[in-house]
Amino acid sequence: IITNLVVAKNQILKIRTLAQRLTHCYCSIITNLVRAKIQMLKIRTLAQRLTHCYCSIITNLVVFKIQMLKICTLAQRLTHCYCSINTNLIVAKIKILKIRTL
């Protein structure tokens, strides 16, 4: 009986040690899961920031394209004005020549 009690006590100590190891492993797994979740949240936040930056870039490109169209329109108007001025100068020269001829 004494031998069996000693063996049983040794078995209980082994089981207790094993339980402590399993508890430690479980805590380690939980800690790693929490760390993984924190990393996922950081990644999600970064992805949201990148999406915001991307949208900002697209918006700026659209604004830039609109500004370029306005500049092109203005350039066309200036070209038209320049052509009108040249035409008026030619007409004025012709009139001056007519006046001189008279």
PDB file of N, CA and C in Angstrom:
ATOM      1  N   ILE A   1       0.844  -1.190   0.000  1.00  0.00           N
ATOM      2  CA  ILE A   1       0.000   0.000   0.000  1.00  0.00           C
ATOM      3  C   ILE A   1       0.890   1.254   0.000  1.00  0.00           C
ATOM      4  N   ILE A   2       1.930   1.233   0.821  1.00  0.00           N
ATOM      5  CA  ILE A   2       2.815   2.392   0.907  1.00  0.00           C
ATOM      6  C   ILE A   2       3.471   2.634  -0.437  1.00  0.00           C
ATOM      7  N   THR A   3       3.935   1.566  -1.090  1.00  0.00           N
ATOM      8  CA  THR A   3       4.562   1.678  -2.405  1.00  0.00           C
ATOM      9  C   THR A   3       3.579   2.283  -3.387  1.00  0.00           C
ATOM     10  N   ASN A   4       2.343   1.773  -3.363  1.00  0.00           N
ATOM     11  CA  ASN A   4       1.316   2.298  -4.276  1.00  0.00           C
ATOM     12  C   ASN A   4       1.022   3.772  -3.997  1.00  0.00           C
ATOM     13  N   LEU A   5       1.022   4.156  -2.714  1.00  0.00           N
ATOM     14  CA  LEU A   5       0.792   5.559  -2.370  1.00  0.00           C
ATOM     15  C   LEU A   5       1.928   6.444  -2.885  1.00  0.00           C
ATOM     16  N   VAL A   6       3.169   5.951  -2.744  1.00  0.00           N
ATOM     17  CA  VAL A   6       4.316   6.707  -3.246  1.00  0.00           C
ATOM     18  C   VAL A   6       4.226   6.857  -4.765  1.00  0.00           C
ATOM     19  N   VAL A   7       3.905   5.725  -5.428  1.00  0.00           N
ATOM     20  CA  VAL A   7       3.766   5.761  -6.899  1.00  0.00           C
ATOM     21  C   VAL A   7       2.651   6.725  -7.281  1.00  0.00           C
ATOM     22  N   ALA A   8       1.526   6.672  -6.558  1.00  0.00           N
ATOM     23  CA  ALA A   8       0.395   7.552  -6.854  1.00  0.00           C
ATOM     24  C   ALA A   8       0.798   9.018  -6.648  1.00  0.00           C
ATOM     25  N   LYS A   9       1.570   9.262  -5.538  1.00  0.00           N
ATOM     26  CA  LYS A   9       2.013  10.627  -5.275  1.00  0.00           C
ATOM     27  C   LYS A   9       2.929  11.120  -6.395  1.00  0.00           C
ATOM     28  N   ASN A  10       3.831  10.248  -6.863  1.00  0.00           N
ATOM     29  CA  ASN A  10       4.716  10.605  -7.981  1.00  0.00           C
ATOM     30  C   ASN A  10       3.899  10.907  -9.243  1.00  0.00           C
ATOM     31  N   GLN A  11       2.879  10.091  -9.479  1.00  0.00           N
ATOM     32  CA  GLN A  11       2.013  10.296 -10.647  1.00  0.00           C
ATOM     33  C   GLN A  11       1.280  11.639 -10.541  1.00  0.00           C
ATOM     34  N   ILE A  12       0.814  11.947  -9.336  1.00  0.00           N
ATOM     35  CA  ILE A  12       0.118  13.221  -9.116  1.00  0.00           C
ATOM     36  C   ILE A  12       1.072  14.384  -9.367  1.00  0.00           C
ATOM     37  N   LEU A  13       2.326  14.260  -8.890  1.00  0.00           N
ATOM     38  CA  LEU A  13       3.313  15.312  -9.129  1.00  0.00           C
ATOM     39  C   LEU A  13       3.595  15.472 -10.621  1.00  0.00           C
ATOM     40  N   LYS A  14       3.705  14.346 -11.327  1.00  0.00           N
ATOM     41  CA  LYS A  14       3.935  14.399 -12.785  1.00  0.00           C
ATOM     42  C   LYS A  14       2.744  15.063 -13.482  1.00  0.00           C
ATOM     43  N   ILE A  15       1.534  14.699 -13.059  1.00  0.00           N
ATOM     44  CA  ILE A  15       0.321  15.279 -13.662  1.00  0.00           C
ATOM     45  C   ILE A  15       0.282  16.777 -13.379  1.00  0.00           C
ATOM     46  N   ARG A  16       0.616  17.180 -12.134  1.00  0.00           N
ATOM     47  CA  ARG A  16       0.620  18.589 -11.764  1.00  0.00           C
ATOM     48  C   ARG A  16       1.628  19.363 -12.623  1.00  0.00           C
ATOM     49  N   THR A  17       2.839  18.771 -12.782  1.00  0.00           N
ATOM     50  CA  THR A  17       3.875  19.407 -13.606  1.00  0.00           C
ATOM     51  C   THR A  17       3.389  19.542 -15.046  1.00  0.00           C
ATOM     52  N   LEU A  18       2.782  18.475 -15.559  1.00  0.00           N
ATOM     53  CA  LEU A  18       2.258  18.497 -16.927  1.00  0.00           C
ATOM     54  C   LEU A  18       1.155  19.555 -17.064  1.00  0.00           C
ATOM     55  N   ALA A  19       0.291  19.640 -16.045  1.00  0.00           N
ATOM     56  CA  ALA A  19      -0.788  20.634 -16.072  1.00  0.00           C
ATOM     57  C   ALA A  19      -0.205  22.050 -16.086  1.00  0.00           C
ATOM     58  N   GLN A  20       0.864  22.273 -15.287  1.00  0.00           N
ATOM     59  CA  GLN A  20       1.492  23.587 -15.263  1.00  0.00           C
ATOM     60  C   GLN A  20       2.090  23.918 -16.636  1.00  0.00           C
ATOM     61  N   ARG A  21       2.718  22.910 -17.266  1.00  0.00           N
ATOM     62  CA  ARG A  21       3.285  23.126 -18.602  1.00  0.00           C
ATOM     63  C   ARG A  21       2.186  23.449 -19.614  1.00  0.00           C
ATOM     64  N   LEU A  22       1.084  22.697 -19.536  1.00  0.00           N
ATOM     65  CA  LEU A  22      -0.037  22.942 -20.457  1.00  0.00           C
ATOM     66  C   LEU A  22      -0.633  24.333 -20.227  1.00  0.00           C
ATOM     67  N   THR A  23      -0.733  24.732 -18.955  1.00  0.00           N
ATOM     68  CA  THR A  23      -1.247  26.067 -18.642  1.00  0.00           C
ATOM     69  C   THR A  23      -0.320  27.131 -19.233  1.00  0.00           C
ATOM     70  N   HIS A  24       0.986  26.914 -19.075  1.00  0.00           N
ATOM     71  CA  HIS A  24       1.963  27.851 -19.633  1.00  0.00           C
ATOM     72  C   HIS A  24       1.818  27.927 -21.163  1.00  0.00           C
ATOM     73  N   CYS A  25       1.698  26.756 -21.810  1.00  0.00           N
ATOM     74  CA  CYS A  25       1.509  26.722 -23.275  1.00  0.00           C
ATOM     75  C   CYS A  25       0.235  27.454 -23.672  1.00  0.00           C
ATOM     76  N   TYR A  26      -0.851  27.211 -22.918  1.00  0.00           N
ATOM     77  CA  TYR A  26      -2.126  27.849 -23.215  1.00  0.00           C
ATOM     78  C   TYR A  26      -1.987  29.369 -23.107  1.00  0.00           C
ATOM     79  N   CYS A  27      -1.326  29.837 -22.026  1.00  0.00           N
ATOM     80  CA  CYS A  27      -1.116  31.282 -21.848  1.00  0.00           C
ATOM     81  C   CYS A  27      -0.273  31.845 -22.992  1.00  0.00           C
ATOM     82  N   SER A  28       0.723  31.071 -23.395  1.00  0.00           N
ATOM     83  CA  SER A  28       1.584  31.486 -24.496  1.00  0.00           C
ATOM     84  C   SER A  28       0.776  31.609 -25.791  1.00  0.00           C
ATOM     85  N   ILE A  29      -0.090  30.649 -26.037  1.00  0.00           N
ATOM     86  CA  ILE A  29      -0.933  30.673 -27.248  1.00  0.00           C
ATOM     87  C   ILE A  29      -1.854  31.891 -27.216  1.00  0.00           C
ATOM     88  N   ILE A  30      -2.485  32.142 -26.058  1.00  0.00           N
ATOM     89  CA  ILE A  30      -3.386  33.291 -25.917  1.00  0.00           C
ATOM     90  C   ILE A  30      -2.612  34.600 -26.158  1.00  0.00           C
ATOM     91  N   THR A  31      -1.413  34.690 -25.566  1.00  0.00           N
ATOM     92  CA  THR A  31      -0.585  35.891 -25.759  1.00  0.00           C
ATOM     93  C   THR A  31      -0.278  36.096 -27.233  1.00  0.00           C
ATOM     94  N   ASN A  32       0.109  35.018 -27.915  1.00  0.00           N
ATOM     95  CA  ASN A  32       0.422  35.117 -29.346  1.00  0.00           C
ATOM     96  C   ASN A  32      -0.802  35.495 -30.166  1.00  0.00           C
ATOM     97  N   LEU A  33      -1.968  34.988 -29.783  1.00  0.00           N
ATOM     98  CA  LEU A  33      -3.202  35.356 -30.494  1.00  0.00           C
ATOM     99  C   LEU A  33      -3.510  36.841 -30.302  1.00  0.00           C
ATOM    100  N   VAL A  34      -3.312  37.335 -29.075  1.00  0.00           N
ATOM    101  CA  VAL A  34      -3.545  38.761 -28.813  1.00  0.00           C
ATOM    102  C   VAL A  34      -2.575  39.602 -29.639  1.00  0.00           C
ATOM    103  N   ARG A  35      -1.296  39.190 -29.672  1.00  0.00           N
ATOM    104  CA  ARG A  35      -0.310  39.924 -30.477  1.00  0.00           C
ATOM    105  C   ARG A  35      -0.692  39.907 -31.952  1.00  0.00           C
ATOM    106  N   ALA A  36      -1.138  38.739 -32.429  1.00  0.00           N
ATOM    107  CA  ALA A  36      -1.544  38.630 -33.836  1.00  0.00           C
ATOM    108  C   ALA A  36      -2.724  39.553 -34.125  1.00  0.00           C
ATOM    109  N   LYS A  37      -3.675  39.620 -33.186  1.00  0.00           N
ATOM    110  CA  LYS A  37      -4.836  40.491 -33.382  1.00  0.00           C
ATOM    111  C   LYS A  37      -4.399  41.953 -33.432  1.00  0.00           C
ATOM    112  N   ILE A  38      -3.472  42.334 -32.540  1.00  0.00           N
ATOM    113  CA  ILE A  38      -2.953  43.712 -32.537  1.00  0.00           C
ATOM    114  C   ILE A  38      -2.280  44.013 -33.875  1.00  0.00           C
ATOM    115  N   GLN A  39      -1.476  43.066 -34.381  1.00  0.00           N
ATOM    116  CA  GLN A  39      -0.819  43.259 -35.676  1.00  0.00           C
ATOM    117  C   GLN A  39      -1.847  43.408 -36.790  1.00  0.00           C
ATOM    118  N   MET A  40      -2.903  42.597 -36.750  1.00  0.00           N
ATOM    119  CA  MET A  40      -3.954  42.698 -37.766  1.00  0.00           C
ATOM    120  C   MET A  40      -4.628  44.066 -37.717  1.00  0.00           C
ATOM    121  N   LEU A  41      -4.868  44.585 -36.500  1.00  0.00           N
ATOM    122  CA  LEU A  41      -5.473  45.912 -36.366  1.00  0.00           C
ATOM    123  C   LEU A  41      -4.545  46.989 -36.925  1.00  0.00           C
ATOM    124  N   LYS A  42      -3.238  46.844 -36.651  1.00  0.00           N
ATOM    125  CA  LYS A  42      -2.269  47.798 -37.206  1.00  0.00           C
ATOM    126  C   LYS A  42      -2.278  47.737 -38.723  1.00  0.00           C
ATOM    127  N   ILE A  43      -2.310  46.512 -39.272  1.00  0.00           N
ATOM    128  CA  ILE A  43      -2.333  46.341 -40.736  1.00  0.00           C
ATOM    129  C   ILE A  43      -3.610  46.950 -41.312  1.00  0.00           C
ATOM    130  N   ARG A  44      -4.734  46.723 -40.649  1.00  0.00           N
ATOM    131  CA  ARG A  44      -6.007  47.279 -41.129  1.00  0.00           C
ATOM    132  C   ARG A  44      -5.961  48.810 -41.116  1.00  0.00           C
ATOM    133  N   THR A  45      -5.418  49.381 -40.028  1.00  0.00           N
ATOM    134  CA  THR A  45      -5.297  50.840 -39.936  1.00  0.00           C
ATOM    135  C   THR A  45      -4.408  51.369 -41.053  1.00  0.00           C
ATOM    136  N   LEU A  46      -3.284  50.693 -41.289  1.00  0.00           N
ATOM    137  CA  LEU A  46      -2.378  51.103 -42.359  1.00  0.00           C
ATOM    138  C   LEU A  46      -3.070  51.004 -43.719  1.00  0.00           C
ATOM    139  N   ALA A  47      -3.827  49.926 -43.935  1.00  0.00           N
ATOM    140  CA  ALA A  47      -4.548  49.758 -45.201  1.00  0.00           C
ATOM    141  C   ALA A  47      -5.561  50.886 -45.395  1.00  0.00           C
ATOM    142  N   GLN A  48      -6.231  51.289 -44.309  1.00  0.00           N
ATOM    143  CA  GLN A  48      -7.189  52.386 -44.409  1.00  0.00           C
ATOM    144  C   GLN A  48      -6.480  53.689 -44.751  1.00  0.00           C
ATOM    145  N   ARG A  49      -5.306  53.902 -44.139  1.00  0.00           N
ATOM    146  CA  ARG A  49      -4.543  55.113 -44.453  1.00  0.00           C
ATOM    147  C   ARG A  49      -4.103  55.109 -45.905  1.00  0.00           C
ATOM    148  N   LEU A  50      -3.634  53.944 -46.380  1.00  0.00           N
ATOM    149  CA  LEU A  50      -3.194  53.844 -47.773  1.00  0.00           C
ATOM    150  C   LEU A  50      -4.358  54.084 -48.728  1.00  0.00           C
ATOM    151  N   THR A  51      -5.528  53.542 -48.373  1.00  0.00           N
ATOM    152  CA  THR A  51      -6.722  53.762 -49.201  1.00  0.00           C
ATOM    153  C   THR A  51      -7.058  55.245 -49.241  1.00  0.00           C
ATOM    154  N   HIS A  52      -6.974  55.909 -48.078  1.00  0.00           N
ATOM    155  CA  HIS A  52      -7.248  57.354 -48.013  1.00  0.00           C
ATOM    156  C   HIS A  52      -6.242  58.112 -48.886  1.00  0.00           C
ATOM    157  N   CYS A  53      -4.953  57.736 -48.795  1.00  0.00           N
ATOM    158  CA  CYS A  53      -3.926  58.399 -49.617  1.00  0.00           C
ATOM    159  C   CYS A  53      -4.218  58.190 -51.095  1.00  0.00           C
ATOM    160  N   TYR A  54      -4.593  56.943 -51.464  1.00  0.00           N
ATOM    161  CA  TYR A  54      -4.885  56.627 -52.859  1.00  0.00           C
ATOM    162  C   TYR A  54      -6.044  57.490 -53.357  1.00  0.00           C
ATOM    163  N   CYS A  55      -7.109  57.595 -52.536  1.00  0.00           N
ATOM    164  CA  CYS A  55      -8.262  58.421 -52.923  1.00  0.00           C
ATOM    165  C   CYS A  55      -7.842  59.883 -53.062  1.00  0.00           C
ATOM    166  N   SER A  56      -6.986  60.324 -52.165  1.00  0.00           N
ATOM    167  CA  SER A  56      -6.491  61.695 -52.209  1.00  0.00           C
ATOM    168  C   SER A  56      -5.712  61.947 -53.499  1.00  0.00           C
ATOM    169  N   ILE A  57      -4.860  60.995 -53.855  1.00  0.00           N
ATOM    170  CA  ILE A  57      -4.064  61.115 -55.086  1.00  0.00           C
ATOM    171  C   ILE A  57      -4.987  61.180 -56.299  1.00  0.00           C
ATOM    172  N   ILE A  58      -5.984  60.290 -56.336  1.00  0.00           N
ATOM    173  CA  ILE A  58      -6.929  60.277 -57.471  1.00  0.00           C
ATOM    174  C   ILE A  58      -7.661  61.622 -57.544  1.00  0.00           C
ATOM    175  N   THR A  59      -8.124  62.121 -56.396  1.00  0.00           N
ATOM    176  CA  THR A  59      -8.814  63.415 -56.368  1.00  0.00           C
ATOM    177  C   THR A  59      -7.905  64.519 -56.900  1.00  0.00           C
ATOM    178  N   ASN A  60      -6.648  64.514 -56.437  1.00  0.00           N
ATOM    179  CA  ASN A  60      -5.698  65.532 -56.895  1.00  0.00           C
ATOM    180  C   ASN A  60      -5.441  65.422 -58.392  1.00  0.00           C
ATOM    181  N   LEU A  61      -5.383  64.197 -58.903  1.00  0.00           N
ATOM    182  CA  LEU A  61      -5.184  64.015 -60.349  1.00  0.00           C
ATOM    183  C   LEU A  61      -6.371  64.553 -61.139  1.00  0.00           C
ATOM    184  N   VAL A  62      -7.578  64.311 -60.623  1.00  0.00           N
ATOM    185  CA  VAL A  62      -8.782  64.828 -61.299  1.00  0.00           C
ATOM    186  C   VAL A  62      -8.755  66.355 -61.291  1.00  0.00           C
ATOM    187  N   VAL A  63      -8.438  66.938 -60.127  1.00  0.00           N
ATOM    188  CA  VAL A  63      -8.352  68.408 -60.025  1.00  0.00           C
ATOM    189  C   VAL A  63      -7.295  68.928 -60.993  1.00  0.00           C
ATOM    190  N   PHE A  64      -6.144  68.248 -61.045  1.00  0.00           N
ATOM    191  CA  PHE A  64      -5.071  68.653 -61.946  1.00  0.00           C
ATOM    192  C   PHE A  64      -5.532  68.593 -63.405  1.00  0.00           C
ATOM    193  N   LYS A  65      -6.272  67.524 -63.761  1.00  0.00           N
ATOM    194  CA  LYS A  65      -6.759  67.385 -65.141  1.00  0.00           C
ATOM    195  C   LYS A  65      -7.727  68.517 -65.476  1.00  0.00           C
ATOM    196  N   ILE A  66      -8.604  68.862 -64.518  1.00  0.00           N
ATOM    197  CA  ILE A  66      -9.540  69.973 -64.733  1.00  0.00           C
ATOM    198  C   ILE A  66      -8.764  71.274 -64.941  1.00  0.00           C
ATOM    199  N   GLN A  67      -7.727  71.502 -64.116  1.00  0.00           N
ATOM    200  CA  GLN A  67      -6.911  72.715 -64.267  1.00  0.00           C
ATOM    201  C   GLN A  67      -6.231  72.736 -65.636  1.00  0.00           C
ATOM    202  N   MET A  68      -5.734  71.581 -66.079  1.00  0.00           N
ATOM    203  CA  MET A  68      -5.084  71.503 -67.396  1.00  0.00           C
ATOM    204  C   MET A  68      -6.076  71.824 -68.513  1.00  0.00           C
ATOM    205  N   LEU A  69      -7.312  71.336 -68.373  1.00  0.00           N
ATOM    206  CA  LEU A  69      -8.336  71.641 -69.375  1.00  0.00           C
ATOM    207  C   LEU A  69      -8.631  73.144 -69.396  1.00  0.00           C
ATOM    208  N   LYS A  70      -8.688  73.757 -68.195  1.00  0.00           N
ATOM    209  CA  LYS A  70      -8.906  75.208 -68.130  1.00  0.00           C
ATOM    210  C   LYS A  70      -7.757  75.961 -68.800  1.00  0.00           C
ATOM    211  N   ILE A  71      -6.522  75.505 -68.544  1.00  0.00           N
ATOM    212  CA  ILE A  71      -5.352  76.147 -69.158  1.00  0.00           C
ATOM    213  C   ILE A  71      -5.396  75.990 -70.674  1.00  0.00           C
ATOM    214  N   CYS A  72      -5.774  74.793 -71.145  1.00  0.00           N
ATOM    215  CA  CYS A  72      -5.874  74.566 -72.602  1.00  0.00           C
ATOM    216  C   CYS A  72      -6.930  75.479 -73.218  1.00  0.00           C
ATOM    217  N   THR A  73      -8.072  75.600 -72.552  1.00  0.00           N
ATOM    218  CA  THR A  73      -9.134  76.477 -73.050  1.00  0.00           C
ATOM    219  C   THR A  73      -8.644  77.920 -73.105  1.00  0.00           C
ATOM    220  N   LEU A  74      -7.961  78.349 -72.049  1.00  0.00           N
ATOM    221  CA  LEU A  74      -7.423  79.707 -72.015  1.00  0.00           C
ATOM    222  C   LEU A  74      -6.399  79.910 -73.129  1.00  0.00           C
ATOM    223  N   ALA A  75      -5.547  78.907 -73.343  1.00  0.00           N
ATOM    224  CA  ALA A  75      -4.546  79.001 -74.410  1.00  0.00           C
ATOM    225  C   ALA A  75      -5.222  79.121 -75.772  1.00  0.00           C
ATOM    226  N   GLN A  76      -6.311  78.381 -75.979  1.00  0.00           N
ATOM    227  CA  GLN A  76      -7.037  78.472 -77.252  1.00  0.00           C
ATOM    228  C   GLN A  76      -7.642  79.873 -77.431  1.00  0.00           C
ATOM    229  N   ARG A  77      -8.184  80.428 -76.342  1.00  0.00           N
ATOM    230  CA  ARG A  77      -8.754  81.779 -76.412  1.00  0.00           C
ATOM    231  C   ARG A  77      -7.672  82.802 -76.734  1.00  0.00           C
ATOM    232  N   LEU A  78      -6.508  82.633 -76.073  1.00  0.00           N
ATOM    233  CA  LEU A  78      -5.408  83.573 -76.332  1.00  0.00           C
ATOM    234  C   LEU A  78      -4.934  83.454 -77.776  1.00  0.00           C
ATOM    235  N   THR A  79      -4.870  82.228 -78.282  1.00  0.00           N
ATOM    236  CA  THR A  79      -4.476  82.019 -79.676  1.00  0.00           C
ATOM    237  C   THR A  79      -5.480  82.696 -80.609  1.00  0.00           C
ATOM    238  N   HIS A  80      -6.768  82.546 -80.288  1.00  0.00           N
ATOM    239  CA  HIS A  80      -7.814  83.180 -81.093  1.00  0.00           C
ATOM    240  C   HIS A  80      -7.661  84.706 -81.052  1.00  0.00           C
ATOM    241  N   CYS A  81      -7.409  85.264 -79.858  1.00  0.00           N
ATOM    242  CA  CYS A  81      -7.209  86.714 -79.729  1.00  0.00           C
ATOM    243  C   CYS A  81      -5.993  87.157 -80.548  1.00  0.00           C
ATOM    244  N   TYR A  82      -4.906  86.385 -80.472  1.00  0.00           N
ATOM    245  CA  TYR A  82      -3.686  86.704 -81.213  1.00  0.00           C
ATOM    246  C   TYR A  82      -3.967  86.731 -82.707  1.00  0.00           C
ATOM    247  N   CYS A  83      -4.732  85.714 -83.179  1.00  0.00           N
ATOM    248  CA  CYS A  83      -5.071  85.669 -84.608  1.00  0.00           C
ATOM    249  C   CYS A  83      -5.945  86.868 -84.987  1.00  0.00           C
ATOM    250  N   SER A  84      -6.878  87.222 -84.106  1.00  0.00           N
ATOM    251  CA  SER A  84      -7.738  88.382 -84.364  1.00  0.00           C
ATOM    252  C   SER A  84      -6.911  89.659 -84.450  1.00  0.00           C
ATOM    253  N   ILE A  85      -5.968  89.806 -83.525  1.00  0.00           N
ATOM    254  CA  ILE A  85      -5.103  90.999 -83.524  1.00  0.00           C
ATOM    255  C   ILE A  85      -4.291  91.047 -84.816  1.00  0.00           C
ATOM    256  N   ASN A  86      -3.739  89.918 -85.242  1.00  0.00           N
ATOM    257  CA  ASN A  86      -2.961  89.874 -86.480  1.00  0.00           C
ATOM    258  C   ASN A  86      -3.825  90.236 -87.680  1.00  0.00           C
ATOM    259  N   THR A  87      -5.039  89.685 -87.691  1.00  0.00           N
ATOM    260  CA  THR A  87      -5.955  89.999 -88.786  1.00  0.00           C
ATOM    261  C   THR A  87      -6.267  91.495 -88.798  1.00  0.00           C
ATOM    262  N   ASN A  88      -6.548  92.051 -87.636  1.00  0.00           N
ATOM    263  CA  ASN A  88      -6.843  93.493 -87.542  1.00  0.00           C
ATOM    264  C   ASN A  88      -5.650  94.332 -87.983  1.00  0.00           C
ATOM    265  N   LEU A  89      -4.421  93.892 -87.636  1.00  0.00           N
ATOM    266  CA  LEU A  89      -3.226  94.618 -88.069  1.00  0.00           C
ATOM    267  C   LEU A  89      -3.082  94.585 -89.590  1.00  0.00           C
ATOM    268  N   ILE A  90      -3.347  93.433 -90.172  1.00  0.00           N
ATOM    269  CA  ILE A  90      -3.259  93.308 -91.641  1.00  0.00           C
ATOM    270  C   ILE A  90      -4.296  94.220 -92.304  1.00  0.00           C
ATOM    271  N   VAL A  91      -5.529  94.193 -91.772  1.00  0.00           N
ATOM    272  CA  VAL A  91      -6.591  95.054 -92.315  1.00  0.00           C
ATOM    273  C   VAL A  91      -6.190  96.527 -92.177  1.00  0.00           C
ATOM    274  N   ALA A  92      -5.617  96.870 -91.023  1.00  0.00           N
ATOM    275  CA  ALA A  92      -5.184  98.264 -90.802  1.00  0.00           C
ATOM    276  C   ALA A  92      -4.093  98.644 -91.794  1.00  0.00           C
ATOM    277  N   LYS A  93      -3.130  97.719 -92.045  1.00  0.00           N
ATOM    278  CA  LYS A  93      -2.057  98.011 -93.013  1.00  0.00           C
ATOM    279  C   LYS A  93      -2.637  98.228 -94.406  1.00  0.00           C
ATOM    280  N   ILE A  94      -3.606  97.383 -94.774  1.00  0.00           N
ATOM    281  CA  ILE A  94      -4.230  97.528 -96.097  1.00  0.00           C
ATOM    282  C   ILE A  94      -4.921  98.889 -96.185  1.00  0.00           C
ATOM    283  N   LYS A  95      -5.613  99.303 -95.141  1.00  0.00           N
ATOM    284  CA  LYS A  95      -6.303 100.598 -95.154  1.00  0.00           C
ATOM    285  C   LYS A  95      -5.299 101.743 -95.231  1.00  0.00           C
ATOM    286  N   ILE A  96      -4.194 101.615 -94.518  1.00  0.00           N
ATOM    287  CA  ILE A  96      -3.144 102.645 -94.568  1.00  0.00           C
ATOM    288  C   ILE A  96      -2.586 102.737 -95.989  1.00  0.00           C
ATOM    289  N   LEU A  97      -2.366 101.573 -96.624  1.00  0.00           N
ATOM    290  CA  LEU A  97      -1.854 101.570 -97.999  1.00  0.00           C
ATOM    291  C   LEU A  97      -2.862 102.221 -98.950  1.00  0.00           C
ATOM    292  N   LYS A  98      -4.157 101.943 -98.716  1.00  0.00           N
ATOM    293  CA  LYS A  98      -5.195 102.558 -99.553  1.00  0.00           C
ATOM    294  C   LYS A  98      -5.194 104.068 -99.365  1.00  0.00           C
ATOM    295  N   ILE A  99      -5.078 104.487 -98.100  1.00  0.00           N
ATOM    296  CA  ILE A  99      -5.067 105.922 -97.812  1.00  0.00           C
ATOM    297  C   ILE A  99      -3.847 106.581 -98.473  1.00  0.00           C
ATOM    298  N   ARG A 100      -2.716 105.935 -98.399  1.00  0.00           N
ATOM    299  CA  ARG A 100      -1.495 106.480 -99.011  1.00  0.00           C
ATOM    300  C   ARG A 100      -1.666 106.596-100.526  1.00  0.00           C
ATOM    301  N   THR A 101      -2.301 105.543-101.045  1.00  0.00           N
ATOM    302  CA  THR A 101      -2.486 105.525-102.505  1.00  0.00           C
ATOM    303  C   THR A 101      -3.370 106.694-102.921  1.00  0.00           C
ATOM    304  N   LEU A 102      -4.388 106.971-102.107  1.00  0.00           N
ATOM    305  CA  LEU A 102      -5.266 108.101-102.436  1.00  0.00           C
ATOM    306  C   LEU A 102      -4.499 109.403-102.305  1.00  0.00           C
TER     307      LEU A 102
END
